[in-house]
Each structure stands twice: as C-alpha cells, then as structure tokens.
C-alpha atoms as a PDB file:
ATOM      1  CA  MET A   1      23.450   0.018 -10.242  1.00  0.00           C
ATOM      2  CA  MET A   2      22.265   1.588  -7.023  1.00  0.00           C
ATOM      3  CA  GLU A   3      22.378  -0.493  -3.874  1.00  0.00           C
ATOM      4  CA  LEU A   4      19.042  -1.864  -2.655  1.00  0.00           C
ATOM      5  CA  LYS A   5      18.823   0.512   0.335  1.00  0.00           C
ATOM      6  CA  GLU A   6      19.373   3.517  -1.959  1.00  0.00           C
ATOM      7  CA  ARG A   7      16.627   2.328  -4.316  1.00  0.00           C
ATOM      8  CA  ILE A   8      14.274   1.806  -1.359  1.00  0.00           C
ATOM      9  CA  THR A   9      15.073   5.291  -0.047  1.00  0.00           C
ATOM     10  CA  ALA A  10      14.378   6.731  -3.508  1.00  0.00           C
ATOM     11  CA  VAL A  11      10.916   5.126  -3.534  1.00  0.00           C
ATOM     12  CA  LEU A  12      10.147   6.278   0.005  1.00  0.00           C
ATOM     13  CA  GLY A  13      11.027   9.901  -0.763  1.00  0.00           C
ATOM     14  CA  PRO A  14      10.107  12.741   1.580  1.00  0.00           C
ATOM     15  CA  PHE A  15       6.255  12.591   1.641  1.00  0.00           C
ATOM     16  CA  GLN A  16       3.854  10.190  -0.017  1.00  0.00           C
ATOM     17  CA  LEU A  17       0.572   8.370   0.240  1.00  0.00           C
ATOM     18  CA  ALA A  18       0.748   4.847   1.690  1.00  0.00           C
ATOM     19  CA  CYS A  19      -1.619   2.166   2.901  1.00  0.00           C
ATOM     20  CA  LEU A  20      -1.022   1.400   6.580  1.00  0.00           C
ATOM     21  CA  VAL A  21      -2.391  -1.909   7.862  1.00  0.00           C
ATOM     22  CA  THR A  22      -2.831  -2.702  11.545  1.00  0.00           C
ATOM     23  CA  ILE A  23      -4.451  -5.648  13.312  1.00  0.00           C
ATOM     24  CA  ASN A  24      -7.811  -4.879  14.932  1.00  0.00           C
ATOM     25  CA  GLN A  25      -9.216  -6.254  18.201  1.00  0.00           C
ATOM     26  CA  GLU A  26     -10.723  -9.234  16.350  1.00  0.00           C
ATOM     27  CA  GLY A  27      -7.263 -10.152  14.976  1.00  0.00           C
ATOM     28  CA  LYS A  28      -8.149  -9.032  11.455  1.00  0.00           C
ATOM     29  CA  PRO A  29      -6.157  -6.647   9.243  1.00  0.00           C
ATOM     30  CA  TRP A  30      -7.418  -3.091   8.841  1.00  0.00           C
ATOM     31  CA  GLY A  31      -5.938  -0.715   6.248  1.00  0.00           C
ATOM     32  CA  ARG A  32      -6.180   2.992   5.702  1.00  0.00           C
ATOM     33  CA  TYR A  33      -4.391   5.662   3.682  1.00  0.00           C
ATOM     34  CA  VAL A  34      -1.833   7.819   5.485  1.00  0.00           C
ATOM     35  CA  MET A  35       0.722  10.403   4.372  1.00  0.00           C
ATOM     36  CA  ILE A  36       4.165   9.180   5.370  1.00  0.00           C
ATOM     37  CA  ALA A  37       7.511  10.902   5.701  1.00  0.00           C
ATOM     38  CA  THR A  38      10.767   8.982   5.869  1.00  0.00           C
ATOM     39  CA  ASP A  39      14.130  10.074   7.241  1.00  0.00           C
ATOM     40  CA  GLU A  40      17.645   9.027   6.206  1.00  0.00           C
ATOM     41  CA  HIS A  41      17.505   6.067   8.634  1.00  0.00           C
ATOM     42  CA  MET A  42      14.336   4.743   6.924  1.00  0.00           C
ATOM     43  CA  THR A  43      12.229   5.555   9.980  1.00  0.00           C
ATOM     44  CA  ILE A  44       8.712   6.187   8.705  1.00  0.00           C
ATOM     45  CA  ARG A  45       6.312   8.606  10.391  1.00  0.00           C
ATOM     46  CA  CYS A  46       2.766   9.835   9.930  1.00  0.00           C
ATOM     47  CA  ALA A  47       0.568  12.227  11.864  1.00  0.00           C
ATOM     48  CA  THR A  48      -2.451  10.908  13.748  1.00  0.00           C
ATOM     49  CA  PHE A  49      -5.085  11.765  16.283  1.00  0.00           C
ATOM     50  CA  VAL A  50      -3.880  10.238  19.557  1.00  0.00           C
ATOM     51  CA  ASP A  51      -7.329   8.694  20.128  1.00  0.00           C
ATOM     52  CA  ALA A  52      -7.586   7.175  16.617  1.00  0.00           C
ATOM     53  CA  ARG A  53      -8.460   3.497  16.421  1.00  0.00           C
ATOM     54  CA  LYS A  54      -5.155   2.783  14.644  1.00  0.00           C
ATOM     55  CA  VAL A  55      -3.345   4.017  17.764  1.00  0.00           C
ATOM     56  CA  ALA A  56      -5.297   1.609  19.980  1.00  0.00           C
ATOM     57  CA  GLN A  57      -4.595  -1.193  17.498  1.00  0.00           C
ATOM     58  CA  ILE A  58      -0.865  -0.394  17.491  1.00  0.00           C
ATOM     59  CA  GLU A  59      -0.780  -0.281  21.296  1.00  0.00           C
ATOM     60  CA  ALA A  60      -2.351  -3.754  21.351  1.00  0.00           C
ATOM     61  CA  ASN A  61      -0.111  -5.102  18.556  1.00  0.00           C
ATOM     62  CA  PRO A  62       2.783  -2.980  17.205  1.00  0.00           C
ATOM     63  CA  GLU A  63       3.157  -5.069  14.010  1.00  0.00           C
ATOM     64  CA  VAL A  64       2.171  -2.992  10.971  1.00  0.00           C
ATOM     65  CA  HIS A  65       2.408  -3.305   7.204  1.00  0.00           C
ATOM     66  CA  LEU A  66       2.788  -0.495   4.654  1.00  0.00           C
ATOM     67  CA  THR A  67       2.449  -0.509   0.892  1.00  0.00           C
ATOM     68  CA  CYS A  68       3.745   2.512  -0.996  1.00  0.00           C
ATOM     69  CA  GLY A  69       5.362   3.695  -4.193  1.00  0.00           C
ATOM     70  CA  ILE A  70       2.630   3.728  -6.837  1.00  0.00           C
ATOM     71  CA  THR A  71      -0.004   6.442  -6.742  1.00  0.00           C
ATOM     72  CA  ASP A  72      -0.899   6.404 -10.434  1.00  0.00           C
ATOM     73  CA  PRO A  73      -1.610   2.995 -12.038  1.00  0.00           C
ATOM     74  CA  SER A  74      -0.794   4.420 -15.479  1.00  0.00           C
ATOM     75  CA  ASP A  75       2.772   5.146 -14.270  1.00  0.00           C
ATOM     76  CA  LEU A  76       4.121   1.800 -13.119  1.00  0.00           C
ATOM     77  CA  LYS A  77       7.325   2.088 -11.144  1.00  0.00           C
ATOM     78  CA  PRO A  78       8.940   0.316  -8.181  1.00  0.00           C
ATOM     79  CA  TYR A  79       6.866  -0.110  -5.032  1.00  0.00           C
ATOM     80  CA  LEU A  80       7.495  -1.363  -1.511  1.00  0.00           C
ATOM     81  CA  GLN A  81       5.917  -3.836   0.900  1.00  0.00           C
ATOM     82  CA  ILE A  82       7.123  -2.938   4.394  1.00  0.00           C
ATOM     83  CA  GLN A  83       6.882  -4.828   7.683  1.00  0.00           C
ATOM     84  CA  ALA A  84       7.559  -2.616  10.689  1.00  0.00           C
ATOM     85  CA  LYS A  85       7.083  -2.105  14.404  1.00  0.00           C
ATOM     86  CA  ALA A  86       5.047   0.988  15.265  1.00  0.00           C
ATOM     87  CA  LYS A  87       4.538   3.187  18.297  1.00  0.00           C
ATOM     88  CA  LEU A  88       2.842   6.455  19.155  1.00  0.00           C
ATOM     89  CA  ILE A  89       5.131   9.412  19.845  1.00  0.00           C
ATOM     90  CA  THR A  90       3.745  12.484  21.616  1.00  0.00           C
ATOM     91  CA  ASP A  91       6.806  14.324  22.922  1.00  0.00           C
ATOM     92  CA  LYS A  92       6.934  18.040  22.157  1.00  0.00           C
ATOM     93  CA  SER A  93      10.225  17.925  20.249  1.00  0.00           C
ATOM     94  CA  THR A  94       9.085  15.253  17.771  1.00  0.00           C
ATOM     95  CA  ARG A  95       5.709  16.884  17.223  1.00  0.00           C
ATOM     96  CA  HIS A  96       7.338  20.248  16.493  1.00  0.00           C
ATOM     97  CA  GLN A  97       9.962  18.675  14.224  1.00  0.00           C
ATOM     98  CA  PHE A  98       7.332  16.772  12.199  1.00  0.00           C
ATOM     99  CA  TRP A  99       4.899  19.706  11.983  1.00  0.00           C
ATOM    100  CA  CYS A 100       4.167  21.049   8.490  1.00  0.00           C
ATOM    101  CA  LYS A 101       1.663  23.526   7.080  1.00  0.00           C
ATOM    102  CA  PRO A 102      -0.880  20.948   5.759  1.00  0.00           C
ATOM    103  CA  LEU A 103      -1.354  19.649   9.336  1.00  0.00           C
ATOM    104  CA  ALA A 104      -2.789  23.063  10.303  1.00  0.00           C
ATOM    105  CA  ASP A 105      -5.997  22.057   8.482  1.00  0.00           C
ATOM    106  CA  ILE A 106      -6.382  19.125  10.907  1.00  0.00           C
ATOM    107  CA  PHE A 107      -4.788  20.143  14.225  1.00  0.00           C
ATOM    108  CA  ASP A 108      -4.618  23.362  16.248  1.00  0.00           C
ATOM    109  CA  GLY A 109      -0.843  23.554  15.985  1.00  0.00           C
ATOM    110  CA  PRO A 110       2.052  21.324  17.065  1.00  0.00           C
ATOM    111  CA  ASP A 111       1.033  21.595  20.728  1.00  0.00           C
ATOM    112  CA  ASP A 112      -2.526  20.361  20.118  1.00  0.00           C
ATOM    113  CA  PRO A 113      -3.031  17.539  22.656  1.00  0.00           C
ATOM    114  CA  LYS A 114      -4.947  15.554  19.998  1.00  0.00           C
ATOM    115  CA  TYR A 115      -1.878  15.489  17.696  1.00  0.00           C
ATOM    116  CA  GLY A 116       0.606  12.618  17.730  1.00  0.00           C
ATOM    117  CA  ILE A 117       3.062  10.850  15.465  1.00  0.00           C
ATOM    118  CA  ILE A 118       3.089   7.174  14.572  1.00  0.00           C
ATOM    119  CA  GLU A 119       6.710   6.111  14.213  1.00  0.00           C
ATOM    120  CA  MET A 120       7.419   2.923  12.268  1.00  0.00           C
ATOM    121  CA  THR A 121      10.740   1.101  12.245  1.00  0.00           C
ATOM    122  CA  PRO A 122      10.987  -1.280   9.272  1.00  0.00           C
ATOM    123  CA  TYR A 123      12.575  -4.678   9.748  1.00  0.00           C
ATOM    124  CA  ARG A 124      11.737  -6.155   6.318  1.00  0.00           C
ATOM    125  CA  ILE A 125      11.178  -4.319   3.042  1.00  0.00           C
ATOM    126  CA  GLU A 126      10.332  -5.965  -0.254  1.00  0.00           C
ATOM    127  CA  TYR A 127      11.330  -3.924  -3.303  1.00  0.00           C
ATOM    128  CA  TRP A 128       9.207  -4.744  -6.338  1.00  0.00           C
ATOM    129  CA  ALA A 129       9.926  -3.332  -9.803  1.00  0.00           C
ATOM    130  CA  PRO A 130       7.914  -3.648 -13.018  1.00  0.00           C
ATOM    131  CA  GLY A 131       8.761  -6.900 -14.778  1.00  0.00           C
ATOM    132  CA  GLN A 132      10.141  -8.427 -11.580  1.00  0.00           C
ATOM    133  CA  PHE A 133       8.497 -11.646 -10.427  1.00  0.00           C
ATOM    134  CA  GLU A 134      10.355 -11.925  -7.127  1.00  0.00           C
ATOM    135  CA  PRO A 135      11.123  -9.061  -4.745  1.00  0.00           C
ATOM    136  CA  GLU A 136      14.520  -7.919  -3.598  1.00  0.00           C
ATOM    137  CA  VAL A 137      14.469  -8.054   0.209  1.00  0.00           C
ATOM    138  CA  TRP A 138      16.094  -5.674   2.697  1.00  0.00           C
ATOM    139  CA  GLN A 139      16.267  -6.830   6.325  1.00  0.00           C
END
C-alpha cells in the first residue's frame, strides 16, 4: 500500500480544479474555484490578479483552506481537505516558471504587472477515500 504522502501527491497531480477558501474582512469564509498546480514538495500554487480580493484577504489573514480531488460526482475517488498558509509571490523567476499557455488568455505574458502567484504551504491534509468514515491525516 502506498504511503499517505504518495497517495496525497497522486490526488494533487499536476493541474486541477480546487475550491480555495479565504477569510474576508468581516471574518467570514469566502470560496472560489482556482486551478492549482502542485510540486514534489506539496507546495500548491495558482495564478491570480495581484489586485484580486483573495490577495487582500490573504494579506490580512494567510490561513486558507482547499478542497480538491473530485471533479465529477459520478466518479467518486479520494479527495483532500487542505489547511495551508498562503502568500502572494510576484518575483520574475516564479512568474516565468509558473507561466503556461492557458494563462495567455488572461494575462499579457509572464511580465504582466497584474499577474501574480498565490503560493500555499500545507500544514494539515485530510485524505478521504470512498467508504472511509474518518480521514487519514498528514501533518
């Protein structure tokens, strides 16, 4: 059986849709869909406009929550609940490294001053599988 971290990494995959939740100025949760990419260290990133409200919310409170793994309810498979610390990254190297063709429909290239990366470092991940009534927890 694969180790928990390997199973988590398999669910995260290279790119996928996730729900990112931040805390707004009224102290209430606010979720939105984002496309995430994850590296071998389980650092999670997504592109953003630097003036997006999620960026202001993260600057005020870096605690975020992600849910990912299931995009088709007719194909139940493992999913993740992720607690992480987030920050905005705008350095040239990271923006160029993260750049991919689909972002060209949104930004004017990797040097667009409106383009940034939200970087999320997980500190707790719950791994849920079909038929499981308690999660396996990575910390």
